[in-house]
Amino acid sequence: MNTIISATHLSAGYGHQCIIKDQNIAVQDGVVTGLIGPNGSGKSTLLNVLNGFETPMSGEVMLQGHPLLQLSAKKRAQKVAFLAQHPVAPDGITVHELVSFGRYCHSHGFRWLNPKDRNSVAQAIQTVHLTDYRDHLVADLSGGQRQRAFIAMTLAQDSPIMMLDEPTTYLDLTNQLETLALLRVLNRQYHKTVVLVLHDLNQAAYYCDQLICMFDGTVKAVGAPEDVITPALLRQEFHVSADIVYDNDEHRPQLTNCHPLAAVVNS
């Protein structure tokens, strides 16, 4: 399997605070990759550096074999569509207008939507099942519908890579699962490489093909879910004990009987 994004000797952070510490990272092409780890482990920082939103302190990120930061912001957006953890739509904007923003990276000068743009927008809205809501205000949508509208905006970019920072935050369980199932469809049927930050380990193990586990700014484990989600990793990095069972269809690990370790409870 080919590597689509790689980082060598990567260090990154904010101000003088180094969060990612001299790490080598590879994201596989054509799969769903989940970034997992405890709060403050560096997942969102890593995602922001891999998509060019943040500049690393040292090291280099390569996108399809080319230095990421040598690309203009518009060229990067043509390669990587990024959805932040708390996206905000302008007041008074409709679903169609929001999704149309995804075409900005393909615009030239003052020209706005051409026939290809309009087709991409319509297809993106249809793919996330919001065709009946295209003229509704984003502010009037439910939480799950709003998230699908933002995913449609990233889909309209026609970028081969989609990166999402905690896309299930604030969603109820049904909408969490529907969002993750949609991202899997975008990977399987639309051949998108998907990289996302997730906190729920069961969801990460079920919906992702590759997991990268972070702890204190370092990569602790990389691989298929069944190779990463182990009793030892759960104890050492998440400070929990759990039984691990395997999904019958895809042999994905799932956690049951989870308990914090006694040392954590008593600290």
Protein backbone atom coordinates (compact mmCIF):
# COMPACT_ATOMS: atom_id res chain seq x y z
CA MET A 1 0.00 0.00 0.00
CA ASN A 2 1.33 3.43 -0.98
CA THR A 3 1.98 6.33 1.38
CA ILE A 4 0.11 9.49 0.43
CA ILE A 5 1.27 11.77 3.27
CA SER A 6 4.47 11.40 5.26
CA ALA A 7 6.34 13.41 7.87
CA THR A 8 9.97 13.01 8.89
CA HIS A 9 11.51 14.27 12.14
CA LEU A 10 8.35 16.31 12.67
CA SER A 11 8.14 18.66 15.64
CA ALA A 12 5.21 21.03 16.01
CA GLY A 13 3.37 23.12 18.57
CA TYR A 14 2.22 26.61 19.40
CA GLY A 15 4.47 29.47 20.46
CA HIS A 16 7.36 27.97 22.41
CA GLN A 17 5.39 24.87 23.42
CA CYS A 18 6.46 21.78 21.48
CA ILE A 19 3.60 19.25 21.30
CA ILE A 20 4.69 16.88 18.51
CA LYS A 21 8.24 15.75 19.20
CA ASP A 22 10.54 14.53 16.39
CA GLN A 23 8.11 12.05 14.89
CA ASN A 24 8.09 10.04 11.66
CA ILE A 25 4.57 9.42 10.35
CA ALA A 26 3.08 7.79 7.25
CA VAL A 27 -0.56 7.90 6.15
CA GLN A 28 -1.62 5.19 3.71
CA ASP A 29 -3.37 6.02 0.45
CA GLY A 30 -6.95 4.93 -0.10
CA VAL A 31 -7.85 4.01 3.48
CA VAL A 32 -9.56 5.54 6.51
CA THR A 33 -6.93 6.51 9.10
CA GLY A 34 -7.95 7.35 12.65
CA LEU A 35 -5.82 9.44 14.98
CA ILE A 36 -6.49 8.27 18.53
CA GLY A 37 -5.07 9.03 21.95
CA PRO A 38 -5.92 10.70 25.25
CA ASN A 39 -6.77 14.39 25.50
CA GLY A 40 -3.73 16.57 24.90
CA SER A 41 -1.78 13.83 23.15
CA GLY A 42 -1.23 15.89 19.99
CA LYS A 43 -3.87 14.47 17.63
CA SER A 44 -5.35 17.78 16.45
CA THR A 45 -1.93 19.40 16.24
CA LEU A 46 -0.72 16.54 14.05
CA LEU A 47 -3.78 16.82 11.81
CA ASN A 48 -3.28 20.58 11.43
CA VAL A 49 0.35 20.11 10.43
CA LEU A 50 -0.41 17.30 7.99
CA ASN A 51 -2.91 19.49 6.12
CA GLY A 52 -0.73 22.61 6.14
CA PHE A 53 -2.95 24.62 8.48
CA GLU A 54 -0.03 24.86 10.92
CA THR A 55 3.67 25.15 10.10
CA PRO A 56 5.96 22.63 11.83
CA MET A 57 8.76 23.77 14.10
CA SER A 58 11.08 21.36 12.34
CA GLY A 59 10.90 18.44 9.98
CA GLU A 60 9.02 18.15 6.71
CA VAL A 61 5.62 16.98 5.52
CA MET A 62 5.42 15.39 2.09
CA LEU A 63 2.17 15.19 0.14
CA GLN A 64 2.20 12.71 -2.72
CA GLY A 65 5.96 12.98 -2.77
CA HIS A 66 6.12 16.80 -2.82
CA PRO A 67 6.88 19.20 0.07
CA LEU A 68 3.50 20.29 1.41
CA LEU A 69 4.48 23.85 2.29
CA GLN A 70 5.84 24.54 -1.18
CA LEU A 71 2.27 24.38 -2.46
CA SER A 72 0.09 27.49 -2.36
CA ALA A 73 -2.93 27.46 -0.06
CA LYS A 74 -5.21 27.00 -3.09
CA LYS A 75 -3.14 24.09 -4.42
CA ARG A 76 -3.15 22.46 -0.99
CA ALA A 77 -6.93 22.80 -0.84
CA GLN A 78 -7.17 21.04 -4.20
CA LYS A 79 -5.30 18.11 -2.63
CA VAL A 80 -6.62 18.12 0.94
CA ALA A 81 -10.09 19.09 2.15
CA PHE A 82 -10.08 19.96 5.87
CA LEU A 83 -13.02 20.17 8.25
CA ALA A 84 -12.22 21.76 11.60
CA GLN A 85 -13.66 20.55 14.90
CA HIS A 86 -16.05 23.49 15.33
CA PRO A 87 -16.96 24.74 11.83
CA VAL A 88 -19.11 27.86 11.74
CA ALA A 89 -21.36 28.89 8.86
CA PRO A 90 -21.96 32.60 8.16
CA ASP A 91 -25.33 33.91 9.28
CA GLY A 92 -28.15 33.60 6.77
CA ILE A 93 -26.41 31.10 4.51
CA THR A 94 -28.18 28.19 2.82
CA VAL A 95 -26.92 24.65 2.41
CA HIS A 96 -26.28 25.23 -1.29
CA GLU A 97 -24.32 28.40 -0.59
CA LEU A 98 -22.24 26.70 2.10
CA VAL A 99 -21.36 23.73 -0.10
CA SER A 100 -20.48 26.13 -2.93
CA PHE A 101 -17.62 27.48 -0.80
CA GLY A 102 -15.92 24.16 -1.42
CA ARG A 103 -15.36 25.18 -5.03
CA TYR A 104 -13.32 28.27 -4.15
CA CYS A 105 -10.00 26.46 -4.60
CA HIS A 106 -10.92 25.79 -8.23
CA SER A 107 -12.04 29.35 -9.05
CA HIS A 108 -10.10 31.73 -11.29
CA GLY A 109 -10.12 35.45 -10.61
CA PHE A 110 -13.63 36.77 -10.10
CA ARG A 111 -15.33 33.89 -11.90
CA TRP A 112 -17.66 32.03 -9.59
CA LEU A 113 -19.61 28.85 -10.25
CA ASN A 114 -19.26 27.41 -13.74
CA PRO A 115 -21.20 24.32 -14.93
CA LYS A 116 -18.58 21.93 -13.51
CA ASP A 117 -18.72 23.73 -10.14
CA ARG A 118 -22.50 23.57 -10.04
CA ASN A 119 -22.44 19.87 -10.86
CA SER A 120 -19.87 19.18 -8.11
CA VAL A 121 -22.00 21.09 -5.58
CA ALA A 122 -25.18 19.28 -6.59
CA GLN A 123 -23.46 15.89 -6.44
CA ALA A 124 -21.98 16.63 -3.01
CA ILE A 125 -25.37 17.65 -1.62
CA GLN A 126 -26.97 14.53 -3.09
CA THR A 127 -24.23 12.26 -1.70
CA VAL A 128 -24.89 13.42 1.87
CA HIS A 129 -28.67 13.13 1.36
CA LEU A 130 -29.47 16.83 1.74
CA THR A 131 -31.00 17.52 -1.68
CA ASP A 132 -34.37 18.34 -0.09
CA TYR A 133 -32.61 20.86 2.19
CA ARG A 134 -30.43 22.65 -0.38
CA ASP A 135 -32.29 25.96 0.07
CA HIS A 136 -32.70 25.67 3.85
CA LEU A 137 -30.67 27.86 6.16
CA VAL A 138 -27.77 26.00 7.73
CA ALA A 139 -28.80 27.48 11.08
CA ASP A 140 -32.16 25.69 10.83
CA LEU A 141 -30.67 22.22 10.37
CA SER A 142 -30.29 19.60 13.06
CA GLY A 143 -26.82 18.84 14.37
CA GLY A 144 -26.42 15.79 12.17
CA GLN A 145 -27.71 17.57 9.08
CA ARG A 146 -25.39 20.51 9.73
CA GLN A 147 -22.40 18.20 9.96
CA ARG A 148 -23.39 16.52 6.70
CA ALA A 149 -23.64 19.94 5.06
CA PHE A 150 -20.06 20.73 6.10
CA ILE A 151 -18.90 17.32 4.88
CA ALA A 152 -20.60 18.11 1.56
CA MET A 153 -18.62 21.34 1.42
CA THR A 154 -15.36 19.42 1.78
CA LEU A 155 -16.58 16.83 -0.74
CA ALA A 156 -17.30 19.58 -3.28
CA GLN A 157 -13.59 20.45 -3.24
CA ASP A 158 -12.98 17.26 -5.26
CA SER A 159 -9.81 16.72 -3.21
CA PRO A 160 -8.44 13.17 -3.01
CA ILE A 161 -7.82 13.54 0.75
CA MET A 162 -10.33 14.49 3.43
CA MET A 163 -9.18 15.42 6.96
CA LEU A 164 -11.67 15.89 9.79
CA ASP A 165 -11.02 16.91 13.38
CA GLU A 166 -13.43 15.08 15.69
CA PRO A 167 -16.36 15.07 13.21
CA THR A 168 -18.68 13.35 15.70
CA THR A 169 -18.31 15.94 18.48
CA TYR A 170 -21.66 17.07 19.96
CA LEU A 171 -23.63 14.57 17.85
CA ASP A 172 -25.96 12.01 19.39
CA LEU A 173 -25.11 8.35 18.90
CA THR A 174 -27.27 7.86 15.81
CA ASN A 175 -25.73 10.87 14.06
CA GLN A 176 -22.24 9.81 15.11
CA LEU A 177 -22.70 6.43 13.45
CA GLU A 178 -24.35 7.93 10.37
CA THR A 179 -21.47 10.40 9.98
CA LEU A 180 -18.84 7.67 10.26
CA ALA A 181 -20.77 5.42 7.88
CA LEU A 182 -20.90 8.30 5.39
CA LEU A 183 -17.14 8.78 5.62
CA ARG A 184 -16.65 5.08 4.98
CA VAL A 185 -18.85 5.36 1.88
CA LEU A 186 -16.76 8.30 0.67
CA ASN A 187 -13.69 6.13 1.11
CA ARG A 188 -15.04 2.91 -0.39
CA GLN A 189 -17.18 4.26 -3.22
CA TYR A 190 -15.62 7.66 -3.96
CA HIS A 191 -12.03 6.57 -3.29
CA LYS A 192 -11.27 9.33 -0.81
CA THR A 193 -8.36 8.94 1.57
CA VAL A 194 -9.87 9.91 4.94
CA VAL A 195 -7.90 11.01 8.03
CA LEU A 196 -9.87 11.86 11.15
CA VAL A 197 -9.43 12.41 14.87
CA LEU A 198 -11.65 10.22 17.05
CA HIS A 199 -12.02 9.67 20.79
CA ASP A 200 -14.31 6.64 20.79
CA LEU A 201 -12.00 3.64 20.42
CA ASN A 202 -14.78 1.27 19.41
CA GLN A 203 -15.86 3.60 16.62
CA ALA A 204 -12.25 4.13 15.55
CA ALA A 205 -11.58 0.38 15.46
CA TYR A 206 -14.77 -0.37 13.53
CA TYR A 207 -14.67 2.39 10.91
CA CYS A 208 -10.92 2.90 10.38
CA ASP A 209 -8.48 0.75 8.42
CA GLN A 210 -5.36 2.27 9.99
CA LEU A 211 -4.91 3.71 13.47
CA ILE A 212 -2.20 6.05 14.68
CA CYS A 213 -2.12 6.22 18.48
CA MET A 214 -0.60 9.35 20.01
CA PHE A 215 0.52 9.94 23.57
CA ASP A 216 2.36 13.02 24.85
CA GLY A 217 3.31 14.13 21.35
CA THR A 218 4.75 10.81 20.25
CA VAL A 219 3.42 7.98 18.09
CA LYS A 220 2.97 4.92 20.28
CA ALA A 221 1.42 2.52 17.77
CA VAL A 222 0.54 2.40 14.06
CA GLY A 223 -1.28 -0.30 12.16
CA ALA A 224 -4.54 -2.12 11.64
CA PRO A 225 -7.05 -1.78 14.51
CA GLU A 226 -6.51 -5.37 15.66
CA ASP A 227 -2.77 -4.70 15.94
CA VAL A 228 -3.08 -1.34 17.72
CA ILE A 229 -5.95 -1.93 20.16
CA THR A 230 -4.32 -4.28 22.65
CA PRO A 231 -4.68 -4.74 26.42
CA ALA A 232 -1.15 -3.41 26.90
CA LEU A 233 -1.82 -0.21 24.95
CA LEU A 234 -5.09 0.37 26.79
CA ARG A 235 -3.33 0.07 30.15
CA GLN A 236 -0.23 2.09 29.27
CA GLU A 237 -1.69 4.94 27.20
CA PHE A 238 -5.37 5.14 28.23
CA HIS A 239 -5.07 3.82 31.80
CA VAL A 240 -8.01 1.47 31.44
CA SER A 241 -8.55 -2.26 31.53
CA ALA A 242 -10.99 -3.86 29.14
CA ASP A 243 -12.00 -7.09 27.49
CA ILE A 244 -11.48 -7.16 23.73
CA VAL A 245 -13.91 -9.03 21.49
CA TYR A 246 -13.89 -9.15 17.71
CA ASP A 247 -16.59 -8.23 15.25
CA ASN A 248 -17.73 -11.34 13.38
CA ASP A 249 -17.87 -9.71 9.94
CA GLU A 250 -14.57 -7.80 9.74
CA HIS A 251 -12.69 -9.06 12.80
CA ARG A 252 -12.54 -5.53 14.25
CA PRO A 253 -11.67 -5.26 17.97
CA GLN A 254 -14.38 -3.91 20.26
CA LEU A 255 -13.97 -3.05 23.94
CA THR A 256 -16.27 -4.33 26.68
CA ASN A 257 -16.14 -4.17 30.49
CA CYS A 258 -13.99 -1.03 30.48
CA HIS A 259 -12.70 0.19 33.84
CA PRO A 260 -10.17 2.84 34.85
CA LEU A 261 -7.09 1.40 36.44
CA ALA A 262 -7.06 1.50 40.23
CA ALA A 263 -4.01 3.76 40.25
CA VAL A 264 -5.94 6.38 38.31
CA VAL A 265 -9.04 6.10 40.49
CA ASN A 266 -7.02 6.46 43.68
CA SER A 267 -4.76 9.30 42.49
